[in-house]
Each structure stands twice: as structure tokens, then as C-alpha cells.
């Protein structure tokens, strides 16, 4: 008799345990009885139910991550590897519709399917070197905008798109690197040529200035000034104590020392 009582008590405890569900913070519950959804959604708390006729499905409404490693096409027809994370959550008020339309596998059915399609479309607008060198925030925003437009009305909120890495095959990476290096060398050469042209222009301007200066000085010297300077030079020679012989062309004045 005691064995039967213990067995009955155990069955009662098990039945009670399996007939109670707890909806925790960050999730909502969907109560389904005999295949029919009985309420909009259950907020956090404890709920009793008949385990033989009713089930309670729990749908997270907190932000979750969908991590994807994708092979995405480029504008020139190449394929590169990418690592992209998607952060999203289910709207609590839309949980019933999400479960009804897409089931518990809604992430794969709707979110990731749309995400992979959008990511490939956006990356296909860029050349491989642009994916490698362009500002990642720009690509993230383009993916975010297009994906949000596709899943927001289905009961999801897109929190962020994070482009973690772009990995190209070694030969493509080397080709892109060589091309970028060539472009940098070309830009450097253009800079050097531009600098040399400016230096040549500077030297030409300087030579022209010197030429104009000499011309101005030449034109400003009169015949009288030249003769006067000649007299001053001869005077200095005559009055010096050194022996000297002064030869003139007959036009310049001669000054003889009486010493």
C-alpha cells in the first residue's frame, strides 16, 4: 500500500512539474491548446497548463546574434569570404504572428535568408579592392537599411549589422595589393613631377627678376656717374704708398701724385 502511495505521489509531483511553465525576462510565451493558439502572448511569470492538451512555446525577445560566414560576389565577378554578424530581436507584440507564420525556426526561415540575400547584393555592388579598402561603416549601413526594410514589417527589429572581416584568396589579395601599390606610386610620381614643375617655375621667376634688376641698374647708370667712379678709383691708386703704373685710354682723367 505504501508503495502505491509513493508511486501516486511521484506521479502527482511529475504531473505538476510538467504542467507549469515559467516565462522569464527577455522572452514571451505562446500558449497552444489542441493545436490552437489561445492568447496573444504570455508575459514573464509562471503559468499552469494541462500537459496532455496544451503546450507553451517560448520566444526570445532579447537581442540575439546571427553569425554568418558568407562567400559573397564582387562587381568584377570574383568571390570573397566574409564574416558578418547580425543583431536583432523579435517584437513582443508580434511574437504570435512570427510563430504562426514561420514557426520556431523563424531565424533561419526569415532573418538569415533575407540577410544572406541582402549581403550578397550589397557586396556585389563593389569591386574586390573596394570591399577590402572601403569604410566598413558604409557597407554595414547599406546592408542594415536594405535588410531592415525587408524584415521590420514581419515582426523583427534590426539592431545592428557588424562586418567583422573580408578575406580574399591569396592570389586576389596579392593582385589587389599590387594594384593599390601601383596607384600609390603613380600618385607619388605625379606629386614629384608637380613639385619639379613648381621648382622650375620658381627658378624662372627668380632669373627673370635678376634680369630685370640688372637691366634697371644698367639703365640707371649715367656717363657722368661712371666717370666720377673712375676718378675715385684713380685717386685711391695715386694716393696709395705702393709703386704703380697707371694706363688709361686717354678718355679717363689722370691723377698724378706729387710725392
C-alpha atoms as a PDB file:
ATOM      1  CA  UNK A   1       0.000   0.000   0.000  1.00  0.00           C
ATOM      2  CA  UNK A   2       2.807   2.389   0.877  1.00  0.00           C
ATOM      3  CA  UNK A   3       4.469   1.633  -2.439  1.00  0.00           C
ATOM      4  CA  UNK A   4       1.296   2.594  -4.291  1.00  0.00           C
ATOM      5  CA  UNK A   5       1.012   5.823  -2.310  1.00  0.00           C
ATOM      6  CA  UNK A   6       4.619   6.735  -3.088  1.00  0.00           C
ATOM      7  CA  UNK A   7       4.068   5.977  -6.759  1.00  0.00           C
ATOM      8  CA  UNK A   8       0.915   8.099  -6.800  1.00  0.00           C
ATOM      9  CA  UNK A   9       2.717  10.953  -5.038  1.00  0.00           C
ATOM     10  CA  UNK A  10       5.585  10.756  -7.530  1.00  0.00           C
ATOM     11  CA  UNK A  11       3.187  10.830 -10.455  1.00  0.00           C
ATOM     12  CA  UNK A  12       1.384  13.800  -8.927  1.00  0.00           C
ATOM     13  CA  UNK A  13       4.643  15.710  -8.487  1.00  0.00           C
ATOM     14  CA  UNK A  14       5.729  14.910 -12.052  1.00  0.00           C
ATOM     15  CA  UNK A  15       2.367  15.955 -13.442  1.00  0.00           C
ATOM     16  CA  UNK A  16       2.536  19.219 -11.507  1.00  0.00           C
ATOM     17  CA  UNK A  17       6.079  19.827 -12.673  1.00  0.00           C
ATOM     18  CA  UNK A  18       5.303  19.240 -16.337  1.00  0.00           C
ATOM     19  CA  UNK A  19       2.089  21.292 -16.120  1.00  0.00           C
ATOM     20  CA  UNK A  20       3.804  24.515 -15.091  1.00  0.00           C
ATOM     21  CA  UNK A  21       5.861  26.793 -17.341  1.00  0.00           C
ATOM     22  CA  UNK A  22       7.896  29.831 -16.373  1.00  0.00           C
ATOM     23  CA  UNK A  23       8.308  32.671 -18.867  1.00  0.00           C
ATOM     24  CA  UNK A  24      11.480  34.516 -17.944  1.00  0.00           C
ATOM     25  CA  UNK A  25      12.552  38.117 -18.616  1.00  0.00           C
ATOM     26  CA  UNK A  26      13.604  38.600 -22.236  1.00  0.00           C
ATOM     27  CA  UNK A  27      11.073  36.171 -23.662  1.00  0.00           C
ATOM     28  CA  UNK A  28       7.345  35.731 -24.207  1.00  0.00           C
ATOM     29  CA  UNK A  29       5.201  32.615 -24.202  1.00  0.00           C
ATOM     30  CA  UNK A  30       2.766  31.319 -26.812  1.00  0.00           C
ATOM     31  CA  UNK A  31       0.090  29.020 -25.368  1.00  0.00           C
ATOM     32  CA  UNK A  32      -1.218  26.427 -27.780  1.00  0.00           C
ATOM     33  CA  UNK A  33      -4.103  24.112 -26.825  1.00  0.00           C
ATOM     34  CA  UNK A  34      -5.135  21.269 -29.109  1.00  0.00           C
ATOM     35  CA  UNK A  35      -3.321  22.958 -31.970  1.00  0.00           C
ATOM     36  CA  UNK A  36      -4.932  26.366 -31.422  1.00  0.00           C
ATOM     37  CA  UNK A  37      -3.232  29.453 -30.006  1.00  0.00           C
ATOM     38  CA  UNK A  38      -5.299  30.548 -27.022  1.00  0.00           C
ATOM     39  CA  UNK A  39      -3.876  34.006 -26.329  1.00  0.00           C
ATOM     40  CA  UNK A  40      -1.856  36.805 -27.865  1.00  0.00           C
ATOM     41  CA  UNK A  41       1.306  36.164 -25.862  1.00  0.00           C
ATOM     42  CA  UNK A  42       2.224  35.444 -22.259  1.00  0.00           C
ATOM     43  CA  UNK A  43       4.311  37.935 -20.317  1.00  0.00           C
ATOM     44  CA  UNK A  44       7.002  36.820 -17.870  1.00  0.00           C
ATOM     45  CA  UNK A  45       5.745  34.723 -14.969  1.00  0.00           C
ATOM     46  CA  UNK A  46       4.568  31.206 -14.063  1.00  0.00           C
ATOM     47  CA  UNK A  47       1.705  29.507 -15.905  1.00  0.00           C
ATOM     48  CA  UNK A  48      -0.107  26.237 -15.220  1.00  0.00           C
ATOM     49  CA  UNK A  49      -1.410  24.121 -18.087  1.00  0.00           C
ATOM     50  CA  UNK A  50      -2.582  20.626 -18.957  1.00  0.00           C
ATOM     51  CA  UNK A  51       0.471  18.905 -20.480  1.00  0.00           C
ATOM     52  CA  UNK A  52      -1.760  16.427 -22.340  1.00  0.00           C
ATOM     53  CA  UNK A  53      -3.627  19.077 -24.330  1.00  0.00           C
ATOM     54  CA  UNK A  54      -1.552  22.244 -24.088  1.00  0.00           C
ATOM     55  CA  UNK A  55       1.991  23.391 -24.836  1.00  0.00           C
ATOM     56  CA  UNK A  56       3.700  26.728 -24.180  1.00  0.00           C
ATOM     57  CA  UNK A  57       6.336  27.863 -26.675  1.00  0.00           C
ATOM     58  CA  UNK A  58       8.870  30.415 -25.515  1.00  0.00           C
ATOM     59  CA  UNK A  59      10.171  33.004 -27.973  1.00  0.00           C
ATOM     60  CA  UNK A  60      13.164  35.210 -27.017  1.00  0.00           C
ATOM     61  CA  UNK A  61      12.583  38.962 -27.348  1.00  0.00           C
ATOM     62  CA  UNK A  62      16.067  39.916 -26.183  1.00  0.00           C
ATOM     63  CA  UNK A  63      18.730  40.825 -28.746  1.00  0.00           C
ATOM     64  CA  UNK A  64      20.358  37.754 -30.273  1.00  0.00           C
ATOM     65  CA  UNK A  65      23.258  37.323 -32.687  1.00  0.00           C
ATOM     66  CA  UNK A  66      23.096  35.575 -36.032  1.00  0.00           C
ATOM     67  CA  UNK A  67      26.705  34.938 -37.093  1.00  0.00           C
ATOM     68  CA  UNK A  68      27.364  34.186 -40.730  1.00  0.00           C
ATOM     69  CA  UNK A  69      30.399  33.215 -42.779  1.00  0.00           C
ATOM     70  CA  UNK A  70      29.440  34.064 -46.338  1.00  0.00           C
ATOM     71  CA  UNK A  71      31.043  33.768 -49.743  1.00  0.00           C
ATOM     72  CA  UNK A  72      29.937  36.988 -51.398  1.00  0.00           C
ATOM     73  CA  UNK A  73      30.347  38.034 -55.043  1.00  0.00           C
ATOM     74  CA  UNK A  74      32.085  41.220 -56.155  1.00  0.00           C
ATOM     75  CA  UNK A  75      31.362  43.588 -59.001  1.00  0.00           C
ATOM     76  CA  UNK A  76      34.010  42.035 -61.248  1.00  0.00           C
ATOM     77  CA  UNK A  77      32.640  38.518 -60.674  1.00  0.00           C
ATOM     78  CA  UNK A  78      35.083  37.291 -58.025  1.00  0.00           C
ATOM     79  CA  UNK A  79      34.129  35.587 -54.765  1.00  0.00           C
ATOM     80  CA  UNK A  80      35.470  36.641 -51.375  1.00  0.00           C
ATOM     81  CA  UNK A  81      34.905  35.297 -47.872  1.00  0.00           C
ATOM     82  CA  UNK A  82      33.232  37.491 -45.286  1.00  0.00           C
ATOM     83  CA  UNK A  83      32.343  37.290 -41.614  1.00  0.00           C
ATOM     84  CA  UNK A  84      29.224  39.278 -40.761  1.00  0.00           C
ATOM     85  CA  UNK A  85      27.178  39.317 -37.565  1.00  0.00           C
ATOM     86  CA  UNK A  86      23.545  40.353 -37.382  1.00  0.00           C
ATOM     87  CA  UNK A  87      21.957  41.566 -34.124  1.00  0.00           C
ATOM     88  CA  UNK A  88      18.166  41.518 -33.966  1.00  0.00           C
ATOM     89  CA  UNK A  89      15.188  40.762 -31.722  1.00  0.00           C
ATOM     90  CA  UNK A  90      11.547  39.789 -32.050  1.00  0.00           C
ATOM     91  CA  UNK A  91       8.895  42.384 -31.238  1.00  0.00           C
ATOM     92  CA  UNK A  92       6.943  41.066 -28.221  1.00  0.00           C
ATOM     93  CA  UNK A  93       3.601  42.129 -29.705  1.00  0.00           C
ATOM     94  CA  UNK A  94       4.457  40.315 -32.953  1.00  0.00           C
ATOM     95  CA  UNK A  95       5.584  37.035 -31.342  1.00  0.00           C
ATOM     96  CA  UNK A  96       2.285  35.283 -32.068  1.00  0.00           C
ATOM     97  CA  UNK A  97       2.369  36.197 -35.766  1.00  0.00           C
ATOM     98  CA  UNK A  98       6.045  35.209 -36.021  1.00  0.00           C
ATOM     99  CA  UNK A  99       5.315  31.785 -34.503  1.00  0.00           C
ATOM    100  CA  UNK A 100       2.144  31.294 -36.571  1.00  0.00           C
ATOM    101  CA  UNK A 101       3.776  32.204 -39.898  1.00  0.00           C
ATOM    102  CA  UNK A 102       7.326  30.963 -39.516  1.00  0.00           C
ATOM    103  CA  UNK A 103       7.380  28.557 -36.552  1.00  0.00           C
ATOM    104  CA  UNK A 104      10.187  28.297 -34.025  1.00  0.00           C
ATOM    105  CA  UNK A 105      12.764  28.214 -36.854  1.00  0.00           C
ATOM    106  CA  UNK A 106      11.978  31.829 -37.785  1.00  0.00           C
ATOM    107  CA  UNK A 107      15.644  32.907 -37.618  1.00  0.00           C
ATOM    108  CA  UNK A 108      16.685  30.608 -40.452  1.00  0.00           C
ATOM    109  CA  UNK A 109      13.432  30.912 -42.399  1.00  0.00           C
ATOM    110  CA  UNK A 110      13.159  34.717 -42.480  1.00  0.00           C
ATOM    111  CA  UNK A 111      16.035  36.570 -40.816  1.00  0.00           C
ATOM    112  CA  UNK A 112      19.110  34.747 -42.117  1.00  0.00           C
ATOM    113  CA  UNK A 113      17.608  34.030 -45.543  1.00  0.00           C
ATOM    114  CA  UNK A 114      16.924  37.724 -46.125  1.00  0.00           C
ATOM    115  CA  UNK A 115      20.243  38.659 -44.562  1.00  0.00           C
ATOM    116  CA  UNK A 116      22.310  36.437 -46.869  1.00  0.00           C
ATOM    117  CA  UNK A 117      20.452  37.726 -49.920  1.00  0.00           C
ATOM    118  CA  UNK A 118      20.949  41.373 -48.958  1.00  0.00           C
ATOM    119  CA  UNK A 119      24.625  40.907 -48.012  1.00  0.00           C
ATOM    120  CA  UNK A 120      25.401  39.319 -51.373  1.00  0.00           C
ATOM    121  CA  UNK A 121      23.515  42.036 -53.224  1.00  0.00           C
ATOM    122  CA  UNK A 122      25.295  44.911 -51.456  1.00  0.00           C
ATOM    123  CA  UNK A 123      28.763  43.339 -51.738  1.00  0.00           C
ATOM    124  CA  UNK A 124      28.112  42.700 -55.434  1.00  0.00           C
ATOM    125  CA  UNK A 125      27.970  46.467 -55.968  1.00  0.00           C
ATOM    126  CA  UNK A 126      31.658  46.844 -55.029  1.00  0.00           C
ATOM    127  CA  UNK A 127      34.919  45.721 -56.590  1.00  0.00           C
ATOM    128  CA  UNK A 128      37.092  43.388 -54.515  1.00  0.00           C
ATOM    129  CA  UNK A 129      39.591  46.136 -53.710  1.00  0.00           C
ATOM    130  CA  UNK A 130      36.743  48.400 -52.573  1.00  0.00           C
ATOM    131  CA  UNK A 131      35.412  45.754 -50.199  1.00  0.00           C
ATOM    132  CA  UNK A 132      38.915  45.444 -48.828  1.00  0.00           C
ATOM    133  CA  UNK A 133      39.645  49.148 -48.523  1.00  0.00           C
ATOM    134  CA  UNK A 134      36.293  50.977 -48.278  1.00  0.00           C
ATOM    135  CA  UNK A 135      34.914  52.250 -44.978  1.00  0.00           C
ATOM    136  CA  UNK A 136      33.132  49.273 -43.381  1.00  0.00           C
ATOM    137  CA  UNK A 137      30.557  51.524 -41.728  1.00  0.00           C
ATOM    138  CA  UNK A 138      29.319  52.430 -45.188  1.00  0.00           C
ATOM    139  CA  UNK A 139      28.743  48.786 -46.183  1.00  0.00           C
ATOM    140  CA  UNK A 140      27.202  47.983 -42.795  1.00  0.00           C
ATOM    141  CA  UNK A 141      24.732  50.844 -43.165  1.00  0.00           C
ATOM    142  CA  UNK A 142      23.731  49.805 -46.686  1.00  0.00           C
ATOM    143  CA  UNK A 143      23.108  46.213 -45.550  1.00  0.00           C
ATOM    144  CA  UNK A 144      21.264  47.471 -42.465  1.00  0.00           C
ATOM    145  CA  UNK A 145      18.950  49.783 -44.421  1.00  0.00           C
ATOM    146  CA  UNK A 146      18.001  47.198 -47.037  1.00  0.00           C
ATOM    147  CA  UNK A 147      17.566  44.347 -44.557  1.00  0.00           C
ATOM    148  CA  UNK A 148      15.517  46.454 -42.123  1.00  0.00           C
ATOM    149  CA  UNK A 149      13.152  47.332 -44.966  1.00  0.00           C
ATOM    150  CA  UNK A 150      12.657  43.610 -45.614  1.00  0.00           C
ATOM    151  CA  UNK A 151      12.072  42.193 -42.098  1.00  0.00           C
ATOM    152  CA  UNK A 152      10.708  45.026 -39.942  1.00  0.00           C
ATOM    153  CA  UNK A 153       7.118  44.518 -41.125  1.00  0.00           C
ATOM    154  CA  UNK A 154       7.441  40.791 -40.360  1.00  0.00           C
ATOM    155  CA  UNK A 155       7.800  41.356 -36.622  1.00  0.00           C
ATOM    156  CA  UNK A 156      11.565  41.818 -36.214  1.00  0.00           C
ATOM    157  CA  UNK A 157      13.713  44.733 -35.064  1.00  0.00           C
ATOM    158  CA  UNK A 158      17.191  45.000 -36.603  1.00  0.00           C
ATOM    159  CA  UNK A 159      19.662  46.272 -34.002  1.00  0.00           C
ATOM    160  CA  UNK A 160      22.968  46.243 -35.877  1.00  0.00           C
ATOM    161  CA  UNK A 161      24.972  44.765 -38.743  1.00  0.00           C
ATOM    162  CA  UNK A 162      28.654  44.162 -37.986  1.00  0.00           C
ATOM    163  CA  UNK A 163      31.083  43.458 -40.819  1.00  0.00           C
ATOM    164  CA  UNK A 164      33.886  41.689 -38.990  1.00  0.00           C
ATOM    165  CA  UNK A 165      36.219  40.759 -41.822  1.00  0.00           C
ATOM    166  CA  UNK A 166      36.703  40.410 -45.562  1.00  0.00           C
ATOM    167  CA  UNK A 167      39.012  37.541 -46.518  1.00  0.00           C
ATOM    168  CA  UNK A 168      40.195  37.244 -50.102  1.00  0.00           C
ATOM    169  CA  UNK A 169      42.140  34.358 -51.694  1.00  0.00           C
ATOM    170  CA  UNK A 170      45.919  34.933 -51.538  1.00  0.00           C
ATOM    171  CA  UNK A 171      46.315  35.474 -55.297  1.00  0.00           C
ATOM    172  CA  UNK A 172      43.480  38.013 -55.378  1.00  0.00           C
ATOM    173  CA  UNK A 173      44.800  39.714 -52.273  1.00  0.00           C
ATOM    174  CA  UNK A 174      48.248  39.985 -53.862  1.00  0.00           C
ATOM    175  CA  UNK A 175      46.788  41.352 -57.096  1.00  0.00           C
ATOM    176  CA  UNK A 176      44.746  43.957 -55.224  1.00  0.00           C
ATOM    177  CA  UNK A 177      47.745  44.864 -53.087  1.00  0.00           C
ATOM    178  CA  UNK A 178      49.949  45.258 -56.180  1.00  0.00           C
ATOM    179  CA  UNK A 179      47.338  47.429 -57.854  1.00  0.00           C
ATOM    180  CA  UNK A 180      46.975  49.630 -54.804  1.00  0.00           C
ATOM    181  CA  UNK A 181      50.763  49.894 -54.605  1.00  0.00           C
ATOM    182  CA  UNK A 182      50.955  50.884 -58.294  1.00  0.00           C
ATOM    183  CA  UNK A 183      48.290  53.530 -57.786  1.00  0.00           C
ATOM    184  CA  UNK A 184      50.166  54.905 -54.786  1.00  0.00           C
ATOM    185  CA  UNK A 185      53.428  55.000 -56.770  1.00  0.00           C
ATOM    186  CA  UNK A 186      51.619  56.771 -59.608  1.00  0.00           C
ATOM    187  CA  UNK A 187      50.251  59.353 -57.205  1.00  0.00           C
ATOM    188  CA  UNK A 188      53.735  59.782 -55.713  1.00  0.00           C
ATOM    189  CA  UNK A 189      55.239  60.315 -59.178  1.00  0.00           C
ATOM    190  CA  UNK A 190      52.565  62.879 -60.010  1.00  0.00           C
ATOM    191  CA  UNK A 191      53.478  64.679 -56.794  1.00  0.00           C
ATOM    192  CA  UNK A 192      57.205  64.652 -57.655  1.00  0.00           C
ATOM    193  CA  UNK A 193      56.541  65.934 -61.179  1.00  0.00           C
ATOM    194  CA  UNK A 194      54.274  68.647 -59.851  1.00  0.00           C
ATOM    195  CA  UNK A 195      56.935  69.648 -57.322  1.00  0.00           C
ATOM    196  CA  UNK A 196      59.629  69.811 -60.027  1.00  0.00           C
ATOM    197  CA  UNK A 197      57.384  71.918 -62.254  1.00  0.00           C
ATOM    198  CA  UNK A 198      56.802  74.343 -59.417  1.00  0.00           C
ATOM    199  CA  UNK A 199      60.547  74.498 -58.709  1.00  0.00           C
ATOM    200  CA  UNK A 200      61.254  75.203 -62.400  1.00  0.00           C
ATOM    201  CA  UNK A 201      58.642  77.947 -62.374  1.00  0.00           C
ATOM    202  CA  UNK A 202      60.243  79.400 -59.250  1.00  0.00           C
ATOM    203  CA  UNK A 203      63.715  79.406 -60.816  1.00  0.00           C
ATOM    204  CA  UNK A 204      62.363  81.001 -63.979  1.00  0.00           C
ATOM    205  CA  UNK A 205      60.673  83.732 -61.973  1.00  0.00           C
ATOM    206  CA  UNK A 206      63.881  84.284 -59.988  1.00  0.00           C
ATOM    207  CA  UNK A 207      66.019  84.501 -63.157  1.00  0.00           C
ATOM    208  CA  UNK A 208      63.566  86.934 -64.713  1.00  0.00           C
ATOM    209  CA  UNK A 209      63.699  89.073 -61.577  1.00  0.00           C
ATOM    210  CA  UNK A 210      67.516  89.143 -61.628  1.00  0.00           C
ATOM    211  CA  UNK A 211      67.469  90.025 -65.306  1.00  0.00           C
ATOM    212  CA  UNK A 212      65.058  92.876 -64.741  1.00  0.00           C
ATOM    213  CA  UNK A 213      67.112  94.097 -61.787  1.00  0.00           C
ATOM    214  CA  UNK A 214      70.327  94.177 -63.811  1.00  0.00           C
ATOM    215  CA  UNK A 215      68.534  95.936 -66.634  1.00  0.00           C
ATOM    216  CA  UNK A 216      67.188  98.534 -64.251  1.00  0.00           C
ATOM    217  CA  UNK A 217      70.618  99.138 -62.703  1.00  0.00           C
ATOM    218  CA  UNK A 218      72.248  99.338 -66.144  1.00  0.00           C
ATOM    219  CA  UNK A 219      69.768 101.878 -67.391  1.00  0.00           C
ATOM    220  CA  UNK A 220      70.095 103.990 -64.244  1.00  0.00           C
ATOM    221  CA  UNK A 221      73.889 104.489 -64.612  1.00  0.00           C
ATOM    222  CA  UNK A 222      74.689 107.729 -66.464  1.00  0.00           C
ATOM    223  CA  UNK A 223      78.021 108.578 -68.196  1.00  0.00           C
ATOM    224  CA  UNK A 224      78.846 111.191 -65.550  1.00  0.00           C
ATOM    225  CA  UNK A 225      78.424 108.686 -62.747  1.00  0.00           C
ATOM    226  CA  UNK A 226      80.750 106.248 -64.498  1.00  0.00           C
ATOM    227  CA  UNK A 227      83.424 108.968 -64.897  1.00  0.00           C
ATOM    228  CA  UNK A 228      83.034 110.027 -61.303  1.00  0.00           C
ATOM    229  CA  UNK A 229      83.538 106.435 -60.077  1.00  0.00           C
ATOM    230  CA  UNK A 230      86.614 106.153 -62.319  1.00  0.00           C
ATOM    231  CA  UNK A 231      88.075 109.326 -60.785  1.00  0.00           C
ATOM    232  CA  UNK A 232      87.512 107.939 -57.287  1.00  0.00           C
ATOM    233  CA  UNK A 233      89.278 104.692 -58.172  1.00  0.00           C
ATOM    234  CA  UNK A 234      92.279 106.503 -59.739  1.00  0.00           C
ATOM    235  CA  UNK A 235      92.506 108.831 -56.786  1.00  0.00           C
ATOM    236  CA  UNK A 236      92.740 105.890 -54.455  1.00  0.00           C
ATOM    237  CA  UNK A 237      95.510 104.360 -56.525  1.00  0.00           C
ATOM    238  CA  UNK A 238      97.548 107.587 -56.739  1.00  0.00           C
ATOM    239  CA  UNK A 239      97.464 108.271 -53.040  1.00  0.00           C
ATOM    240  CA  UNK A 240      98.463 104.752 -52.067  1.00  0.00           C
ATOM    241  CA  UNK A 241     102.123 104.266 -50.984  1.00  0.00           C
ATOM    242  CA  UNK A 242     102.736 101.401 -53.392  1.00  0.00           C
ATOM    243  CA  UNK A 243     104.531 101.786 -56.702  1.00  0.00           C
ATOM    244  CA  UNK A 244     102.134 101.968 -59.534  1.00  0.00           C
ATOM    245  CA  UNK A 245     101.780 102.447 -63.262  1.00  0.00           C
ATOM    246  CA  UNK A 246      98.518 103.901 -64.409  1.00  0.00           C
ATOM    247  CA  UNK A 247      97.482 103.382 -68.007  1.00  0.00           C
ATOM    248  CA  UNK A 248      94.336 104.981 -69.294  1.00  0.00           C
ATOM    249  CA  UNK A 249      92.571 105.042 -72.611  1.00  0.00           C
ATOM    250  CA  UNK A 250      93.059 108.751 -72.850  1.00  0.00           C
ATOM    251  CA  UNK A 251      89.484 109.497 -72.062  1.00  0.00           C
ATOM    252  CA  UNK A 252      89.567 108.949 -68.337  1.00  0.00           C
ATOM    253  CA  UNK A 253      91.235 111.696 -66.316  1.00  0.00           C
ATOM    254  CA  UNK A 254      94.718 111.096 -64.997  1.00  0.00           C
ATOM    255  CA  UNK A 255      95.750 111.976 -61.462  1.00  0.00           C
ATOM    256  CA  UNK A 256      99.484 112.041 -60.684  1.00  0.00           C
ATOM    257  CA  UNK A 257     100.849 112.085 -57.227  1.00  0.00           C
ATOM    258  CA  UNK A 258     103.462 114.764 -56.431  1.00  0.00           C
ATOM    259  CA  UNK A 259     105.139 112.590 -53.794  1.00  0.00           C
END
